[in-house]
Amino acid sequence: MLLLAVSMNLRAEEEKVVRVAAAADVKFAMEELSKEFGNKTGTKVDVTTGSSGNFFAQIQGGAPFDLFFSADMDYPKKLEASGSAEPGTLFEYALGQIVIWTPANSQVSVAREKWNALLDERIQKIAIANPSLAPYGRAAVSALQKAGIYEQVKAKLVYGENISQAAQFVQSGNAQAGIIAHSLAVSPGMEGGEVWEIPADMHPPIEQGAVVLKSGKNKAAALEFLNFVKSAAGRAILEKCGFAVPAGKQKQAV
């Protein structure tokens, strides 16, 4: 009887946890969203952050997540098409933005020089996310190509597995500049750097999608959390953390 009671208690605790795989750019937003949701509902949200491409592969392999917040729409759409996502739950939760970020002690003013800052010989390494894994990396390459400087700076590029690691390369001094998510540029520990926001028309829109996964053990709570992200309170947190929120995207998941 004791073992049965312990087992039932463990199962009850598990039912109160929503397991989320989230793109690295939403790390700090997820911390706030999870805290606020937990305070309102008593449900714990366990968030793992990383590259969208790696999570996509893991989810296809059966990784035990309830929700996937990608840095693009393509990966969630592919999961929906393959039957790995709950029908009707695909949702565009944010529009990402990319910036060039340099640390406070940089001798190159990115705000003044803009693209030319990356051509400066004092900028020896430029950190971006791996474009084969991370939508932010693909956006960075696209913007460099449209600016006409990709071939000139290609040898300077160093790749983080995800956008958070790319930001860490610059923050630690292993790179002198980075093309990173605006949400990370305004995050704790990076506010002192200099930022130039790359015009949105220089790269494909970074439309970020979320979806509830069929393999999840806690679909009801996952839907509840997704609906919280869609709410006015959730949207306000995303905007505060550096995201643009698509208009008219409040429809409840069912």
Protein backbone atom coordinates (compact mmCIF):
# COMPACT_ATOMS: atom_id res chain seq x y z
CA MET A 1 0.00 0.00 0.00
CA LEU A 2 2.85 2.36 0.84
CA LEU A 3 4.49 1.75 -2.55
CA LEU A 4 1.16 2.32 -4.27
CA ALA A 5 0.67 5.61 -2.43
CA VAL A 6 4.18 6.78 -3.32
CA SER A 7 3.61 5.82 -6.94
CA MET A 8 0.31 7.73 -7.03
CA ASN A 9 1.94 10.78 -5.45
CA LEU A 10 4.77 10.72 -7.98
CA ARG A 11 2.26 10.44 -10.82
CA ALA A 12 0.27 13.35 -9.41
CA GLU A 13 3.43 15.46 -9.19
CA GLU A 14 4.37 14.53 -12.76
CA GLU A 15 0.95 15.65 -13.95
CA LYS A 16 1.67 19.10 -12.54
CA VAL A 17 4.79 19.52 -14.70
CA VAL A 18 4.80 20.81 -18.28
CA ARG A 19 8.01 19.91 -20.11
CA VAL A 20 8.96 22.52 -22.70
CA ALA A 21 11.63 22.46 -25.39
CA ALA A 22 12.34 26.09 -26.29
CA ALA A 23 14.64 27.87 -28.72
CA ALA A 24 17.56 29.55 -26.97
CA ASP A 25 16.38 33.06 -27.85
CA VAL A 26 13.33 32.71 -25.60
CA LYS A 27 15.30 31.58 -22.52
CA PHE A 28 14.68 34.70 -20.44
CA ALA A 29 11.11 35.15 -21.63
CA MET A 30 10.40 31.53 -20.70
CA GLU A 31 11.77 32.08 -17.22
CA GLU A 32 9.25 34.87 -16.66
CA LEU A 33 6.38 33.10 -18.40
CA SER A 34 6.98 29.93 -16.39
CA LYS A 35 7.16 31.79 -13.10
CA GLU A 36 3.98 33.76 -13.75
CA PHE A 37 2.09 30.69 -14.96
CA GLY A 38 3.24 28.67 -11.95
CA ASN A 39 2.08 31.40 -9.57
CA LYS A 40 -1.34 31.46 -11.23
CA THR A 41 -1.92 27.72 -11.60
CA GLY A 42 0.46 25.83 -9.32
CA THR A 43 1.76 23.96 -12.37
CA LYS A 44 5.53 23.78 -12.79
CA VAL A 45 6.98 24.45 -16.24
CA ASP A 46 10.28 22.67 -16.83
CA VAL A 47 12.04 24.45 -19.72
CA THR A 48 15.02 23.13 -21.67
CA THR A 49 16.57 25.59 -24.13
CA GLY A 50 18.72 24.85 -27.17
CA SER A 51 18.73 24.95 -30.95
CA SER A 52 15.43 24.43 -32.76
CA GLY A 53 17.04 21.98 -35.19
CA ASN A 54 18.38 19.77 -32.42
CA PHE A 55 15.02 19.76 -30.64
CA PHE A 56 13.25 18.89 -33.88
CA ALA A 57 15.47 15.82 -34.26
CA GLN A 58 15.03 14.85 -30.60
CA ILE A 59 11.25 15.15 -30.76
CA GLN A 60 11.17 13.00 -33.88
CA GLY A 61 13.17 10.47 -31.87
CA GLY A 62 10.59 10.44 -29.08
CA ALA A 63 12.02 12.97 -26.60
CA PRO A 64 9.48 13.41 -23.75
CA PHE A 65 8.44 17.05 -24.22
CA ASP A 66 4.89 18.39 -23.96
CA LEU A 67 5.46 21.63 -25.89
CA PHE A 68 7.91 22.89 -28.48
CA PHE A 69 8.65 26.60 -28.89
CA SER A 70 10.73 26.91 -32.05
CA ALA A 71 12.62 29.91 -33.44
CA ASP A 72 10.83 29.38 -36.76
CA MET A 73 7.55 28.03 -38.11
CA ASP A 74 9.07 25.35 -40.33
CA TYR A 75 10.02 22.84 -37.65
CA PRO A 76 6.59 22.93 -35.90
CA LYS A 77 4.86 22.68 -39.29
CA LYS A 78 6.92 19.61 -40.14
CA LEU A 79 5.97 18.01 -36.82
CA GLU A 80 2.32 18.77 -37.52
CA ALA A 81 2.56 17.31 -41.03
CA SER A 82 4.21 14.14 -39.73
CA GLY A 83 1.52 13.60 -37.10
CA SER A 84 3.85 14.34 -34.18
CA ALA A 85 1.89 17.42 -33.06
CA GLU A 86 -1.62 17.79 -31.74
CA PRO A 87 -3.85 19.07 -34.57
CA GLY A 88 -4.96 22.68 -34.24
CA THR A 89 -2.29 23.71 -31.73
CA LEU A 90 0.26 25.29 -34.08
CA PHE A 91 0.64 28.94 -33.10
CA GLU A 92 2.89 31.83 -34.11
CA TYR A 93 3.83 33.28 -30.74
CA ALA A 94 6.48 35.87 -31.67
CA LEU A 95 8.51 37.64 -34.33
CA GLY A 96 12.23 37.55 -33.65
CA GLN A 97 14.63 40.39 -34.41
CA ILE A 98 18.38 40.28 -35.03
CA VAL A 99 20.97 42.85 -34.03
CA ILE A 100 24.71 43.33 -34.20
CA TRP A 101 26.01 43.43 -30.63
CA THR A 102 29.44 44.49 -29.40
CA PRO A 103 30.65 44.61 -25.78
CA ALA A 104 30.92 47.85 -23.85
CA ASN A 105 34.73 47.94 -24.19
CA SER A 106 34.69 47.61 -27.99
CA GLN A 107 36.80 50.10 -29.92
CA VAL A 108 34.39 49.86 -32.86
CA SER A 109 31.04 51.67 -32.73
CA VAL A 110 28.46 49.40 -34.29
CA ALA A 111 25.74 52.00 -33.73
CA ARG A 112 27.68 54.46 -35.90
CA GLU A 113 29.39 52.13 -38.38
CA LYS A 114 26.55 49.60 -38.78
CA TRP A 115 27.57 46.94 -41.36
CA ASN A 116 30.97 48.58 -41.81
CA ALA A 117 31.80 47.72 -38.22
CA LEU A 118 32.06 44.05 -39.20
CA LEU A 119 34.64 44.93 -41.87
CA ASP A 120 36.89 46.67 -39.34
CA GLU A 121 40.16 44.75 -38.84
CA ARG A 122 39.71 45.05 -35.07
CA ILE A 123 36.67 42.79 -35.40
CA GLN A 124 38.46 39.48 -35.91
CA LYS A 125 35.64 37.10 -34.97
CA ILE A 126 31.88 37.47 -35.50
CA ALA A 127 29.64 35.06 -33.64
CA ILE A 128 26.41 33.77 -35.17
CA ALA A 129 24.25 30.72 -34.51
CA ASN A 130 24.92 27.68 -36.66
CA PRO A 131 22.71 28.24 -39.72
CA SER A 132 22.24 24.50 -40.22
CA LEU A 133 20.57 24.21 -36.81
CA ALA A 134 19.26 27.63 -35.82
CA PRO A 135 16.84 29.95 -37.66
CA TYR A 136 18.69 32.96 -36.22
CA GLY A 137 21.87 31.74 -37.88
CA ARG A 138 20.09 31.49 -41.22
CA ALA A 139 18.70 35.01 -40.77
CA ALA A 140 22.21 36.32 -39.99
CA VAL A 141 23.68 34.77 -43.15
CA SER A 142 20.80 36.10 -45.24
CA ALA A 143 21.30 39.62 -43.87
CA LEU A 144 25.05 39.52 -44.48
CA GLN A 145 24.43 38.42 -48.05
CA LYS A 146 21.88 41.16 -48.66
CA ALA A 147 24.29 43.71 -47.19
CA GLY A 148 26.85 42.51 -49.74
CA ILE A 149 29.54 41.68 -47.18
CA TYR A 150 29.12 37.95 -46.59
CA GLU A 151 32.13 36.91 -48.69
CA GLN A 152 34.27 39.57 -46.99
CA VAL A 153 33.43 38.43 -43.44
CA LYS A 154 32.87 34.70 -43.98
CA ALA A 155 36.32 33.81 -42.65
CA LYS A 156 35.57 35.76 -39.45
CA LEU A 157 32.40 33.83 -38.61
CA VAL A 158 32.34 31.52 -35.58
CA TYR A 159 29.30 29.40 -34.95
CA GLY A 160 27.44 28.73 -31.74
CA GLU A 161 25.26 25.64 -31.53
CA ASN A 162 22.39 28.01 -30.76
CA ILE A 163 21.89 31.75 -30.54
CA SER A 164 22.53 31.82 -26.79
CA GLN A 165 25.95 30.23 -27.26
CA ALA A 166 26.73 32.72 -30.02
CA ALA A 167 25.91 35.55 -27.61
CA GLN A 168 28.16 33.97 -24.97
CA PHE A 169 31.08 33.95 -27.43
CA VAL A 170 30.89 37.75 -27.67
CA GLN A 171 30.14 38.28 -24.00
CA SER A 172 33.21 36.20 -23.03
CA GLY A 173 35.53 37.96 -25.49
CA ASN A 174 36.00 34.97 -27.80
CA ALA A 175 34.42 37.08 -30.54
CA GLN A 176 34.44 40.85 -30.90
CA ALA A 177 30.93 41.12 -32.39
CA GLY A 178 27.89 38.95 -32.80
CA ILE A 179 24.70 38.85 -34.80
CA ILE A 180 22.31 37.77 -32.09
CA ALA A 181 18.67 37.88 -31.07
CA HIS A 182 17.40 41.23 -29.80
CA SER A 183 15.86 39.31 -26.90
CA LEU A 184 19.36 38.28 -25.76
CA ALA A 185 20.89 41.72 -26.36
CA VAL A 186 18.48 43.18 -23.77
CA SER A 187 18.82 40.26 -21.35
CA PRO A 188 20.54 40.41 -17.93
CA GLY A 189 24.31 40.65 -18.26
CA MET A 190 24.32 42.08 -21.80
CA GLU A 191 22.66 45.47 -21.36
CA GLY A 192 25.97 47.34 -21.33
CA GLY A 193 26.90 46.45 -24.90
CA GLU A 194 26.28 48.51 -28.02
CA VAL A 195 23.51 47.43 -30.38
CA TRP A 196 22.52 48.12 -33.96
CA GLU A 197 19.19 46.63 -35.02
CA ILE A 198 19.41 45.02 -38.45
CA PRO A 199 16.50 46.19 -40.64
CA ALA A 200 13.81 43.53 -40.83
CA ASP A 201 13.68 43.68 -44.63
CA MET A 202 17.26 42.39 -44.86
CA HIS A 203 16.31 38.83 -43.92
CA PRO A 204 13.27 36.56 -44.06
CA PRO A 205 10.83 37.16 -41.18
CA ILE A 206 11.78 35.22 -38.05
CA GLU A 207 8.29 33.87 -37.39
CA GLN A 208 8.43 31.73 -34.26
CA GLY A 209 5.97 28.88 -33.76
CA ALA A 210 4.85 26.68 -30.89
CA VAL A 211 3.02 23.38 -30.94
CA VAL A 212 1.70 20.82 -28.44
CA LEU A 213 3.31 17.42 -28.98
CA LYS A 214 1.46 14.13 -29.27
CA SER A 215 4.17 12.37 -27.28
CA GLY A 216 3.59 14.64 -24.29
CA LYS A 217 2.28 13.19 -21.03
CA ASN A 218 0.52 16.33 -19.88
CA LYS A 219 -1.42 17.74 -22.84
CA ALA A 220 -4.10 19.50 -20.79
CA ALA A 221 -1.55 21.53 -18.82
CA ALA A 222 0.49 22.11 -21.99
CA LEU A 223 -2.57 23.64 -23.68
CA GLU A 224 -3.19 25.74 -20.59
CA PHE A 225 0.37 27.07 -20.69
CA LEU A 226 0.16 27.75 -24.44
CA ASN A 227 -3.05 29.71 -23.89
CA PHE A 228 -1.33 31.70 -21.14
CA VAL A 229 1.44 32.63 -23.61
CA LYS A 230 -1.33 33.84 -25.97
CA SER A 231 -2.99 35.93 -23.29
CA ALA A 232 -2.45 39.64 -22.72
CA ALA A 233 -0.18 38.84 -19.76
CA GLY A 234 1.90 36.43 -21.83
CA ARG A 235 2.19 38.82 -24.76
CA ALA A 236 3.32 41.60 -22.43
CA ILE A 237 6.14 39.42 -21.11
CA LEU A 238 7.29 38.54 -24.63
CA GLU A 239 7.30 42.19 -25.67
CA LYS A 240 9.21 43.20 -22.53
CA CYS A 241 11.81 40.55 -23.37
CA GLY A 242 12.52 41.96 -26.81
CA PHE A 243 10.05 40.23 -29.13
CA ALA A 244 7.51 41.64 -31.50
CA VAL A 245 4.17 39.89 -31.02
CA PRO A 246 2.07 39.24 -34.13
CA ALA A 247 -1.24 41.10 -34.06
CA GLY A 248 -4.44 39.13 -33.71
CA LYS A 249 -2.83 35.94 -32.43
CA GLN A 250 -4.80 35.44 -29.22
CA LYS A 251 -7.01 32.56 -30.36
CA GLN A 252 -7.17 29.84 -27.71
CA ALA A 253 -5.70 26.42 -28.41
CA VAL A 254 -8.17 23.55 -28.06
